[in-house]
mmCIF file of all heavy atoms, coordinates in Angstrom:
data_MODEL
# 
_entry.id   MODEL 
# 
loop_
_atom_site.group_PDB 
_atom_site.id 
_atom_site.type_symbol 
_atom_site.label_atom_id 
_atom_site.label_alt_id 
_atom_site.label_comp_id 
_atom_site.label_asym_id 
_atom_site.label_entity_id 
_atom_site.label_seq_id 
_atom_site.pdbx_PDB_ins_code 
_atom_site.Cartn_x 
_atom_site.Cartn_y 
_atom_site.Cartn_z 
_atom_site.occupancy 
_atom_site.B_iso_or_equiv 
_atom_site.pdbx_formal_charge 
_atom_site.auth_seq_id 
_atom_site.auth_comp_id 
_atom_site.auth_asym_id 
_atom_site.auth_atom_id 
_atom_site.pdbx_PDB_model_num 
ATOM 1   N N   . ASP A 1 1  ? -4.551  6.099   -2.263  1.00 0.00 ? 1  ASP A N   1 
ATOM 2   C CA  . ASP A 1 1  ? -4.833  7.427   -2.805  1.00 0.00 ? 1  ASP A CA  1 
ATOM 3   C C   . ASP A 1 1  ? -6.328  7.730   -2.606  1.00 0.00 ? 1  ASP A C   1 
ATOM 4   O O   . ASP A 1 1  ? -7.178  6.989   -3.099  1.00 0.00 ? 1  ASP A O   1 
ATOM 5   C CB  . ASP A 1 1  ? -4.492  7.472   -4.296  1.00 0.00 ? 1  ASP A CB  1 
ATOM 6   C CG  . ASP A 1 1  ? -4.616  8.871   -4.897  1.00 0.00 ? 1  ASP A CG  1 
ATOM 7   O OD1 . ASP A 1 1  ? -5.316  9.728   -4.310  1.00 0.00 ? 1  ASP A OD1 1 
ATOM 8   O OD2 . ASP A 1 1  ? -4.028  9.103   -5.962  1.00 0.00 ? 1  ASP A OD2 1 
ATOM 9   N N   . PRO A 1 2  ? -6.666  8.806   -1.893  1.00 0.00 ? 2  PRO A N   1 
ATOM 10  C CA  . PRO A 1 2  ? -8.088  9.101   -1.661  1.00 0.00 ? 2  PRO A CA  1 
ATOM 11  C C   . PRO A 1 2  ? -8.860  9.367   -2.941  1.00 0.00 ? 2  PRO A C   1 
ATOM 12  O O   . PRO A 1 2  ? -10.096 9.318   -2.941  1.00 0.00 ? 2  PRO A O   1 
ATOM 13  C CB  . PRO A 1 2  ? -8.048  10.341  -0.756  1.00 0.00 ? 2  PRO A CB  1 
ATOM 14  C CG  . PRO A 1 2  ? -6.683  10.921  -0.933  1.00 0.00 ? 2  PRO A CG  1 
ATOM 15  C CD  . PRO A 1 2  ? -5.774  9.776   -1.235  1.00 0.00 ? 2  PRO A CD  1 
ATOM 16  N N   . LYS A 1 3  ? -8.165  9.620   -4.039  1.00 0.00 ? 3  LYS A N   1 
ATOM 17  C CA  . LYS A 1 3  ? -8.844  9.853   -5.314  1.00 0.00 ? 3  LYS A CA  1 
ATOM 18  C C   . LYS A 1 3  ? -9.223  8.552   -6.015  1.00 0.00 ? 3  LYS A C   1 
ATOM 19  O O   . LYS A 1 3  ? -9.965  8.586   -7.000  1.00 0.00 ? 3  LYS A O   1 
ATOM 20  C CB  . LYS A 1 3  ? -7.943  10.693  -6.232  1.00 0.00 ? 3  LYS A CB  1 
ATOM 21  C CG  . LYS A 1 3  ? -7.641  12.094  -5.700  1.00 0.00 ? 3  LYS A CG  1 
ATOM 22  C CD  . LYS A 1 3  ? -6.728  12.842  -6.665  1.00 0.00 ? 3  LYS A CD  1 
ATOM 23  C CE  . LYS A 1 3  ? -6.378  14.218  -6.118  1.00 0.00 ? 3  LYS A CE  1 
ATOM 24  N NZ  . LYS A 1 3  ? -5.435  14.954  -7.028  1.00 0.00 ? 3  LYS A NZ  1 
ATOM 25  N N   . THR A 1 4  ? -8.711  7.437   -5.528  1.00 0.00 ? 4  THR A N   1 
ATOM 26  C CA  . THR A 1 4  ? -9.030  6.155   -6.148  1.00 0.00 ? 4  THR A CA  1 
ATOM 27  C C   . THR A 1 4  ? -10.383 5.666   -5.637  1.00 0.00 ? 4  THR A C   1 
ATOM 28  O O   . THR A 1 4  ? -10.535 5.409   -4.441  1.00 0.00 ? 4  THR A O   1 
ATOM 29  C CB  . THR A 1 4  ? -7.950  5.107   -5.827  1.00 0.00 ? 4  THR A CB  1 
ATOM 30  O OG1 . THR A 1 4  ? -6.690  5.565   -6.300  1.00 0.00 ? 4  THR A OG1 1 
ATOM 31  C CG2 . THR A 1 4  ? -8.281  3.775   -6.500  1.00 0.00 ? 4  THR A CG2 1 
ATOM 32  N N   . PRO A 1 5  ? -11.372 5.527   -6.499  1.00 0.00 ? 5  PRO A N   1 
ATOM 33  C CA  . PRO A 1 5  ? -12.721 5.148   -6.061  1.00 0.00 ? 5  PRO A CA  1 
ATOM 34  C C   . PRO A 1 5  ? -12.860 3.640   -5.873  1.00 0.00 ? 5  PRO A C   1 
ATOM 35  O O   . PRO A 1 5  ? -13.529 2.959   -6.643  1.00 0.00 ? 5  PRO A O   1 
ATOM 36  C CB  . PRO A 1 5  ? -13.599 5.650   -7.210  1.00 0.00 ? 5  PRO A CB  1 
ATOM 37  C CG  . PRO A 1 5  ? -12.716 5.506   -8.419  1.00 0.00 ? 5  PRO A CG  1 
ATOM 38  C CD  . PRO A 1 5  ? -11.309 5.778   -7.951  1.00 0.00 ? 5  PRO A CD  1 
ATOM 39  N N   . THR A 1 6  ? -12.224 3.112   -4.850  1.00 0.00 ? 6  THR A N   1 
ATOM 40  C CA  . THR A 1 6  ? -12.279 1.678   -4.600  1.00 0.00 ? 6  THR A CA  1 
ATOM 41  C C   . THR A 1 6  ? -12.904 1.396   -3.245  1.00 0.00 ? 6  THR A C   1 
ATOM 42  O O   . THR A 1 6  ? -12.746 2.173   -2.301  1.00 0.00 ? 6  THR A O   1 
ATOM 43  C CB  . THR A 1 6  ? -10.869 1.059   -4.654  1.00 0.00 ? 6  THR A CB  1 
ATOM 44  O OG1 . THR A 1 6  ? -10.957 -0.327  -4.319  1.00 0.00 ? 6  THR A OG1 1 
ATOM 45  C CG2 . THR A 1 6  ? -9.925  1.743   -3.671  1.00 0.00 ? 6  THR A CG2 1 
ATOM 46  N N   . ALA A 1 7  ? -13.587 0.275   -3.162  1.00 0.00 ? 7  ALA A N   1 
ATOM 47  C CA  . ALA A 1 7  ? -14.175 -0.154  -1.889  1.00 0.00 ? 7  ALA A CA  1 
ATOM 48  C C   . ALA A 1 7  ? -13.179 -0.949  -1.055  1.00 0.00 ? 7  ALA A C   1 
ATOM 49  O O   . ALA A 1 7  ? -13.492 -1.341  0.060   1.00 0.00 ? 7  ALA A O   1 
ATOM 50  C CB  . ALA A 1 7  ? -15.413 -1.008  -2.161  1.00 0.00 ? 7  ALA A CB  1 
ATOM 51  N N   . TYR A 1 8  ? -11.979 -1.175  -1.582  1.00 0.00 ? 8  TYR A N   1 
ATOM 52  C CA  . TYR A 1 8  ? -11.045 -2.096  -0.946  1.00 0.00 ? 8  TYR A CA  1 
ATOM 53  C C   . TYR A 1 8  ? -9.790  -1.435  -0.396  1.00 0.00 ? 8  TYR A C   1 
ATOM 54  O O   . TYR A 1 8  ? -8.759  -2.081  -0.242  1.00 0.00 ? 8  TYR A O   1 
ATOM 55  C CB  . TYR A 1 8  ? -10.646 -3.181  -1.955  1.00 0.00 ? 8  TYR A CB  1 
ATOM 56  C CG  . TYR A 1 8  ? -11.831 -3.904  -2.530  1.00 0.00 ? 8  TYR A CG  1 
ATOM 57  C CD1 . TYR A 1 8  ? -12.125 -3.839  -3.890  1.00 0.00 ? 8  TYR A CD1 1 
ATOM 58  C CD2 . TYR A 1 8  ? -12.677 -4.630  -1.713  1.00 0.00 ? 8  TYR A CD2 1 
ATOM 59  C CE1 . TYR A 1 8  ? -13.225 -4.487  -4.414  1.00 0.00 ? 8  TYR A CE1 1 
ATOM 60  C CE2 . TYR A 1 8  ? -13.774 -5.296  -2.218  1.00 0.00 ? 8  TYR A CE2 1 
ATOM 61  C CZ  . TYR A 1 8  ? -14.045 -5.225  -3.575  1.00 0.00 ? 8  TYR A CZ  1 
ATOM 62  O OH  . TYR A 1 8  ? -15.127 -5.864  -4.079  1.00 0.00 ? 8  TYR A OH  1 
ATOM 63  N N   . SER A 1 9  ? -9.861  -0.152  -0.091  1.00 0.00 ? 9  SER A N   1 
ATOM 64  C CA  . SER A 1 9  ? -8.681  0.551   0.402   1.00 0.00 ? 9  SER A CA  1 
ATOM 65  C C   . SER A 1 9  ? -8.385  0.249   1.867   1.00 0.00 ? 9  SER A C   1 
ATOM 66  O O   . SER A 1 9  ? -7.262  0.463   2.329   1.00 0.00 ? 9  SER A O   1 
ATOM 67  C CB  . SER A 1 9  ? -8.868  2.058   0.225   1.00 0.00 ? 9  SER A CB  1 
ATOM 68  O OG  . SER A 1 9  ? -9.993  2.518   0.960   1.00 0.00 ? 9  SER A OG  1 
ATOM 69  N N   . GLY A 1 10 ? -9.379  -0.228  2.618   1.00 0.00 ? 10 GLY A N   1 
ATOM 70  C CA  . GLY A 1 10 ? -9.231  -0.380  4.059   1.00 0.00 ? 10 GLY A CA  1 
ATOM 71  C C   . GLY A 1 10 ? -8.024  -1.193  4.475   1.00 0.00 ? 10 GLY A C   1 
ATOM 72  O O   . GLY A 1 10 ? -7.279  -0.815  5.390   1.00 0.00 ? 10 GLY A O   1 
ATOM 73  N N   . ASP A 1 11 ? -7.796  -2.333  3.821   1.00 0.00 ? 11 ASP A N   1 
ATOM 74  C CA  . ASP A 1 11 ? -6.659  -3.180  4.181   1.00 0.00 ? 11 ASP A CA  1 
ATOM 75  C C   . ASP A 1 11 ? -5.336  -2.449  3.970   1.00 0.00 ? 11 ASP A C   1 
ATOM 76  O O   . ASP A 1 11 ? -4.390  -2.602  4.751   1.00 0.00 ? 11 ASP A O   1 
ATOM 77  C CB  . ASP A 1 11 ? -6.671  -4.464  3.358   1.00 0.00 ? 11 ASP A CB  1 
ATOM 78  C CG  . ASP A 1 11 ? -7.659  -5.482  3.892   1.00 0.00 ? 11 ASP A CG  1 
ATOM 79  O OD1 . ASP A 1 11 ? -8.452  -5.124  4.787   1.00 0.00 ? 11 ASP A OD1 1 
ATOM 80  O OD2 . ASP A 1 11 ? -7.652  -6.621  3.424   1.00 0.00 ? 11 ASP A OD2 1 
ATOM 81  N N   . PHE A 1 12 ? -5.244  -1.684  2.906   1.00 0.00 ? 12 PHE A N   1 
ATOM 82  C CA  . PHE A 1 12 ? -3.999  -0.995  2.584   1.00 0.00 ? 12 PHE A CA  1 
ATOM 83  C C   . PHE A 1 12 ? -3.787  0.213   3.492   1.00 0.00 ? 12 PHE A C   1 
ATOM 84  O O   . PHE A 1 12 ? -2.652  0.554   3.819   1.00 0.00 ? 12 PHE A O   1 
ATOM 85  C CB  . PHE A 1 12 ? -4.000  -0.586  1.117   1.00 0.00 ? 12 PHE A CB  1 
ATOM 86  C CG  . PHE A 1 12 ? -3.990  -1.763  0.174   1.00 0.00 ? 12 PHE A CG  1 
ATOM 87  C CD1 . PHE A 1 12 ? -5.171  -2.338  -0.263  1.00 0.00 ? 12 PHE A CD1 1 
ATOM 88  C CD2 . PHE A 1 12 ? -2.791  -2.306  -0.261  1.00 0.00 ? 12 PHE A CD2 1 
ATOM 89  C CE1 . PHE A 1 12 ? -5.168  -3.429  -1.116  1.00 0.00 ? 12 PHE A CE1 1 
ATOM 90  C CE2 . PHE A 1 12 ? -2.769  -3.403  -1.120  1.00 0.00 ? 12 PHE A CE2 1 
ATOM 91  C CZ  . PHE A 1 12 ? -3.960  -3.969  -1.547  1.00 0.00 ? 12 PHE A CZ  1 
ATOM 92  N N   . LEU A 1 13 ? -4.866  0.841   3.906   1.00 0.00 ? 13 LEU A N   1 
ATOM 93  C CA  . LEU A 1 13 ? -4.746  1.981   4.818   1.00 0.00 ? 13 LEU A CA  1 
ATOM 94  C C   . LEU A 1 13 ? -4.293  1.548   6.209   1.00 0.00 ? 13 LEU A C   1 
ATOM 95  O O   . LEU A 1 13 ? -3.826  2.372   7.004   1.00 0.00 ? 13 LEU A O   1 
ATOM 96  C CB  . LEU A 1 13 ? -6.083  2.715   4.904   1.00 0.00 ? 13 LEU A CB  1 
ATOM 97  C CG  . LEU A 1 13 ? -6.503  3.467   3.634   1.00 0.00 ? 13 LEU A CG  1 
ATOM 98  C CD1 . LEU A 1 13 ? -7.939  3.962   3.749   1.00 0.00 ? 13 LEU A CD1 1 
ATOM 99  C CD2 . LEU A 1 13 ? -5.555  4.629   3.351   1.00 0.00 ? 13 LEU A CD2 1 
ATOM 100 N N   . ALA A 1 14 ? -4.427  0.261   6.520   1.00 0.00 ? 14 ALA A N   1 
ATOM 101 C CA  . ALA A 1 14 ? -3.959  -0.245  7.807   1.00 0.00 ? 14 ALA A CA  1 
ATOM 102 C C   . ALA A 1 14 ? -2.434  -0.358  7.863   1.00 0.00 ? 14 ALA A C   1 
ATOM 103 O O   . ALA A 1 14 ? -1.864  -0.566  8.938   1.00 0.00 ? 14 ALA A O   1 
ATOM 104 C CB  . ALA A 1 14 ? -4.583  -1.609  8.088   1.00 0.00 ? 14 ALA A CB  1 
ATOM 105 N N   . ILE A 1 15 ? -1.782  -0.217  6.711   1.00 0.00 ? 15 ILE A N   1 
ATOM 106 C CA  . ILE A 1 15 ? -0.327  -0.342  6.637   1.00 0.00 ? 15 ILE A CA  1 
ATOM 107 C C   . ILE A 1 15 ? 0.322   0.948   7.136   1.00 0.00 ? 15 ILE A C   1 
ATOM 108 O O   . ILE A 1 15 ? -0.051  2.044   6.712   1.00 0.00 ? 15 ILE A O   1 
ATOM 109 C CB  . ILE A 1 15 ? 0.107   -0.643  5.190   1.00 0.00 ? 15 ILE A CB  1 
ATOM 110 C CG1 . ILE A 1 15 ? -0.448  -2.009  4.764   1.00 0.00 ? 15 ILE A CG1 1 
ATOM 111 C CG2 . ILE A 1 15 ? 1.615   -0.592  5.043   1.00 0.00 ? 15 ILE A CG2 1 
ATOM 112 C CD1 . ILE A 1 15 ? -0.312  -2.290  3.277   1.00 0.00 ? 15 ILE A CD1 1 
ATOM 113 N N   . GLU A 1 16 ? 1.295   0.813   8.015   1.00 0.00 ? 16 GLU A N   1 
ATOM 114 C CA  . GLU A 1 16 ? 2.009   1.989   8.522   1.00 0.00 ? 16 GLU A CA  1 
ATOM 115 C C   . GLU A 1 16 ? 3.039   2.485   7.515   1.00 0.00 ? 16 GLU A C   1 
ATOM 116 O O   . GLU A 1 16 ? 3.169   3.687   7.283   1.00 0.00 ? 16 GLU A O   1 
ATOM 117 C CB  . GLU A 1 16 ? 2.703   1.659   9.842   1.00 0.00 ? 16 GLU A CB  1 
ATOM 118 C CG  . GLU A 1 16 ? 3.410   2.858   10.468  1.00 0.00 ? 16 GLU A CG  1 
ATOM 119 C CD  . GLU A 1 16 ? 4.058   2.509   11.789  1.00 0.00 ? 16 GLU A CD  1 
ATOM 120 O OE1 . GLU A 1 16 ? 4.808   1.501   11.835  1.00 0.00 ? 16 GLU A OE1 1 
ATOM 121 O OE2 . GLU A 1 16 ? 3.809   3.223   12.780  1.00 0.00 ? 16 GLU A OE2 1 
ATOM 122 N N   . SER A 1 17 ? 3.784   1.553   6.896   1.00 0.00 ? 17 SER A N   1 
ATOM 123 C CA  . SER A 1 17 ? 4.788   1.958   5.907   1.00 0.00 ? 17 SER A CA  1 
ATOM 124 C C   . SER A 1 17 ? 5.030   0.831   4.917   1.00 0.00 ? 17 SER A C   1 
ATOM 125 O O   . SER A 1 17 ? 4.926   -0.352  5.262   1.00 0.00 ? 17 SER A O   1 
ATOM 126 C CB  . SER A 1 17 ? 6.098   2.360   6.588   1.00 0.00 ? 17 SER A CB  1 
ATOM 127 O OG  . SER A 1 17 ? 6.695   1.249   7.229   1.00 0.00 ? 17 SER A OG  1 
ATOM 128 N N   . PHE A 1 18 ? 5.331   1.228   3.692   1.00 0.00 ? 18 PHE A N   1 
ATOM 129 C CA  . PHE A 1 18 ? 5.697   0.294   2.628   1.00 0.00 ? 18 PHE A CA  1 
ATOM 130 C C   . PHE A 1 18 ? 7.076   0.694   2.135   1.00 0.00 ? 18 PHE A C   1 
ATOM 131 O O   . PHE A 1 18 ? 7.335   1.876   1.871   1.00 0.00 ? 18 PHE A O   1 
ATOM 132 C CB  . PHE A 1 18 ? 4.674   0.358   1.488   1.00 0.00 ? 18 PHE A CB  1 
ATOM 133 C CG  . PHE A 1 18 ? 4.998   -0.534  0.315   1.00 0.00 ? 18 PHE A CG  1 
ATOM 134 C CD1 . PHE A 1 18 ? 4.382   -1.765  0.179   1.00 0.00 ? 18 PHE A CD1 1 
ATOM 135 C CD2 . PHE A 1 18 ? 5.935   -0.152  -0.646  1.00 0.00 ? 18 PHE A CD2 1 
ATOM 136 C CE1 . PHE A 1 18 ? 4.686   -2.593  -0.894  1.00 0.00 ? 18 PHE A CE1 1 
ATOM 137 C CE2 . PHE A 1 18 ? 6.248   -0.973  -1.717  1.00 0.00 ? 18 PHE A CE2 1 
ATOM 138 C CZ  . PHE A 1 18 ? 5.621   -2.196  -1.840  1.00 0.00 ? 18 PHE A CZ  1 
ATOM 139 N N   . LYS A 1 19 ? 7.961   -0.276  1.954   1.00 0.00 ? 19 LYS A N   1 
ATOM 140 C CA  . LYS A 1 19 ? 9.326   0.047   1.539   1.00 0.00 ? 19 LYS A CA  1 
ATOM 141 C C   . LYS A 1 19 ? 9.833   -0.996  0.550   1.00 0.00 ? 19 LYS A C   1 
ATOM 142 O O   . LYS A 1 19 ? 9.807   -2.189  0.817   1.00 0.00 ? 19 LYS A O   1 
ATOM 143 C CB  . LYS A 1 19 ? 10.241  0.091   2.762   1.00 0.00 ? 19 LYS A CB  1 
ATOM 144 C CG  . LYS A 1 19 ? 11.705  0.417   2.447   1.00 0.00 ? 19 LYS A CG  1 
ATOM 145 C CD  . LYS A 1 19 ? 12.542  0.380   3.711   1.00 0.00 ? 19 LYS A CD  1 
ATOM 146 C CE  . LYS A 1 19 ? 14.009  0.660   3.408   1.00 0.00 ? 19 LYS A CE  1 
ATOM 147 N NZ  . LYS A 1 19 ? 14.836  0.575   4.646   1.00 0.00 ? 19 LYS A NZ  1 
ATOM 148 N N   . LYS A 1 20 ? 10.302  -0.508  -0.599  1.00 0.00 ? 20 LYS A N   1 
ATOM 149 C CA  . LYS A 1 20 ? 11.007  -1.394  -1.518  1.00 0.00 ? 20 LYS A CA  1 
ATOM 150 C C   . LYS A 1 20 ? 12.407  -1.635  -0.959  1.00 0.00 ? 20 LYS A C   1 
ATOM 151 O O   . LYS A 1 20 ? 13.095  -0.700  -0.561  1.00 0.00 ? 20 LYS A O   1 
ATOM 152 C CB  . LYS A 1 20 ? 11.113  -0.766  -2.905  1.00 0.00 ? 20 LYS A CB  1 
ATOM 153 C CG  . LYS A 1 20 ? 9.844   -0.772  -3.705  1.00 0.00 ? 20 LYS A CG  1 
ATOM 154 C CD  . LYS A 1 20 ? 10.087  -0.355  -5.155  1.00 0.00 ? 20 LYS A CD  1 
ATOM 155 C CE  . LYS A 1 20 ? 10.698  1.054   -5.222  1.00 0.00 ? 20 LYS A CE  1 
ATOM 156 N NZ  . LYS A 1 20 ? 10.967  1.453   -6.616  1.00 0.00 ? 20 LYS A NZ  1 
ATOM 157 N N   . THR A 1 21 ? 12.816  -2.875  -0.929  1.00 0.00 ? 21 THR A N   1 
ATOM 158 C CA  . THR A 1 21 ? 14.150  -3.192  -0.423  1.00 0.00 ? 21 THR A CA  1 
ATOM 159 C C   . THR A 1 21 ? 15.051  -3.745  -1.524  1.00 0.00 ? 21 THR A C   1 
ATOM 160 O O   . THR A 1 21 ? 16.177  -4.146  -1.264  1.00 0.00 ? 21 THR A O   1 
ATOM 161 C CB  . THR A 1 21 ? 14.048  -4.217  0.720   1.00 0.00 ? 21 THR A CB  1 
ATOM 162 O OG1 . THR A 1 21 ? 13.322  -5.376  0.266   1.00 0.00 ? 21 THR A OG1 1 
ATOM 163 C CG2 . THR A 1 21 ? 13.339  -3.605  1.923   1.00 0.00 ? 21 THR A CG2 1 
ATOM 164 N N   . GLY A 1 22 ? 14.546  -3.764  -2.739  1.00 0.00 ? 22 GLY A N   1 
ATOM 165 C CA  . GLY A 1 22 ? 15.303  -4.246  -3.885  1.00 0.00 ? 22 GLY A CA  1 
ATOM 166 C C   . GLY A 1 22 ? 14.407  -4.280  -5.089  1.00 0.00 ? 22 GLY A C   1 
ATOM 167 O O   . GLY A 1 22 ? 13.208  -3.991  -5.015  1.00 0.00 ? 22 GLY A O   1 
ATOM 168 N N   . ARG A 1 23 ? 14.973  -4.658  -6.225  1.00 0.00 ? 23 ARG A N   1 
ATOM 169 C CA  . ARG A 1 23 ? 14.183  -4.702  -7.452  1.00 0.00 ? 23 ARG A CA  1 
ATOM 170 C C   . ARG A 1 23 ? 13.022  -5.672  -7.335  1.00 0.00 ? 23 ARG A C   1 
ATOM 171 O O   . ARG A 1 23 ? 11.941  -5.428  -7.894  1.00 0.00 ? 23 ARG A O   1 
ATOM 172 C CB  . ARG A 1 23 ? 15.089  -5.110  -8.615  1.00 0.00 ? 23 ARG A CB  1 
ATOM 173 C CG  . ARG A 1 23 ? 14.379  -5.258  -9.954  1.00 0.00 ? 23 ARG A CG  1 
ATOM 174 C CD  . ARG A 1 23 ? 15.345  -5.562  -11.082 1.00 0.00 ? 23 ARG A CD  1 
ATOM 175 N NE  . ARG A 1 23 ? 14.630  -5.910  -12.292 1.00 0.00 ? 23 ARG A NE  1 
ATOM 176 C CZ  . ARG A 1 23 ? 14.237  -7.158  -12.603 1.00 0.00 ? 23 ARG A CZ  1 
ATOM 177 N NH1 . ARG A 1 23 ? 14.487  -8.164  -11.770 1.00 0.00 ? 23 ARG A NH1 1 
ATOM 178 N NH2 . ARG A 1 23 ? 13.574  -7.385  -13.731 1.00 0.00 ? 23 ARG A NH2 1 
ATOM 179 N N   . LEU A 1 24 ? 13.217  -6.758  -6.588  1.00 0.00 ? 24 LEU A N   1 
ATOM 180 C CA  . LEU A 1 24 ? 12.191  -7.784  -6.476  1.00 0.00 ? 24 LEU A CA  1 
ATOM 181 C C   . LEU A 1 24 ? 11.773  -8.014  -5.018  1.00 0.00 ? 24 LEU A C   1 
ATOM 182 O O   . LEU A 1 24 ? 11.187  -9.055  -4.705  1.00 0.00 ? 24 LEU A O   1 
ATOM 183 C CB  . LEU A 1 24 ? 12.693  -9.097  -7.082  1.00 0.00 ? 24 LEU A CB  1 
ATOM 184 C CG  . LEU A 1 24 ? 12.935  -9.108  -8.588  1.00 0.00 ? 24 LEU A CG  1 
ATOM 185 C CD1 . LEU A 1 24 ? 13.597  -10.407 -9.016  1.00 0.00 ? 24 LEU A CD1 1 
ATOM 186 C CD2 . LEU A 1 24 ? 11.639  -8.903  -9.364  1.00 0.00 ? 24 LEU A CD2 1 
ATOM 187 N N   . SER A 1 25 ? 12.059  -7.078  -4.140  1.00 0.00 ? 25 SER A N   1 
ATOM 188 C CA  . SER A 1 25 ? 11.733  -7.295  -2.729  1.00 0.00 ? 25 SER A CA  1 
ATOM 189 C C   . SER A 1 25 ? 11.114  -6.052  -2.119  1.00 0.00 ? 25 SER A C   1 
ATOM 190 O O   . SER A 1 25 ? 11.379  -4.922  -2.546  1.00 0.00 ? 25 SER A O   1 
ATOM 191 C CB  . SER A 1 25 ? 12.985  -7.713  -1.949  1.00 0.00 ? 25 SER A CB  1 
ATOM 192 O OG  . SER A 1 25 ? 13.985  -6.723  -2.040  1.00 0.00 ? 25 SER A OG  1 
ATOM 193 N N   . PHE A 1 26 ? 10.290  -6.278  -1.103  1.00 0.00 ? 26 PHE A N   1 
ATOM 194 C CA  . PHE A 1 26 ? 9.653   -5.170  -0.387  1.00 0.00 ? 26 PHE A CA  1 
ATOM 195 C C   . PHE A 1 26 ? 9.255   -5.640  0.999   1.00 0.00 ? 26 PHE A C   1 
ATOM 196 O O   . PHE A 1 26 ? 9.168   -6.849  1.259   1.00 0.00 ? 26 PHE A O   1 
ATOM 197 C CB  . PHE A 1 26 ? 8.440   -4.631  -1.152  1.00 0.00 ? 26 PHE A CB  1 
ATOM 198 C CG  . PHE A 1 26 ? 7.314   -5.621  -1.316  1.00 0.00 ? 26 PHE A CG  1 
ATOM 199 C CD1 . PHE A 1 26 ? 6.237   -5.646  -0.431  1.00 0.00 ? 26 PHE A CD1 1 
ATOM 200 C CD2 . PHE A 1 26 ? 7.308   -6.530  -2.377  1.00 0.00 ? 26 PHE A CD2 1 
ATOM 201 C CE1 . PHE A 1 26 ? 5.187   -6.543  -0.585  1.00 0.00 ? 26 PHE A CE1 1 
ATOM 202 C CE2 . PHE A 1 26 ? 6.259   -7.435  -2.541  1.00 0.00 ? 26 PHE A CE2 1 
ATOM 203 C CZ  . PHE A 1 26 ? 5.200   -7.437  -1.643  1.00 0.00 ? 26 PHE A CZ  1 
ATOM 204 N N   . GLU A 1 27 ? 9.047   -4.683  1.874   1.00 0.00 ? 27 GLU A N   1 
ATOM 205 C CA  . GLU A 1 27 ? 8.576   -5.006  3.210   1.00 0.00 ? 27 GLU A CA  1 
ATOM 206 C C   . GLU A 1 27 ? 7.433   -4.083  3.594   1.00 0.00 ? 27 GLU A C   1 
ATOM 207 O O   . GLU A 1 27 ? 7.355   -2.941  3.140   1.00 0.00 ? 27 GLU A O   1 
ATOM 208 C CB  . GLU A 1 27 ? 9.706   -4.950  4.238   1.00 0.00 ? 27 GLU A CB  1 
ATOM 209 C CG  . GLU A 1 27 ? 10.314  -3.597  4.468   1.00 0.00 ? 27 GLU A CG  1 
ATOM 210 C CD  . GLU A 1 27 ? 11.436  -3.637  5.511   1.00 0.00 ? 27 GLU A CD  1 
ATOM 211 O OE1 . GLU A 1 27 ? 12.149  -4.669  5.570   1.00 0.00 ? 27 GLU A OE1 1 
ATOM 212 O OE2 . GLU A 1 27 ? 11.578  -2.661  6.254   1.00 0.00 ? 27 GLU A OE2 1 
# 
């Protein structure tokens, strides 16, 4: 979120897509 004032967004912005695949799983 561009409104989040964090210095650590770079790694997460490199992600193309995030998907929950279950209650306890994600890809």
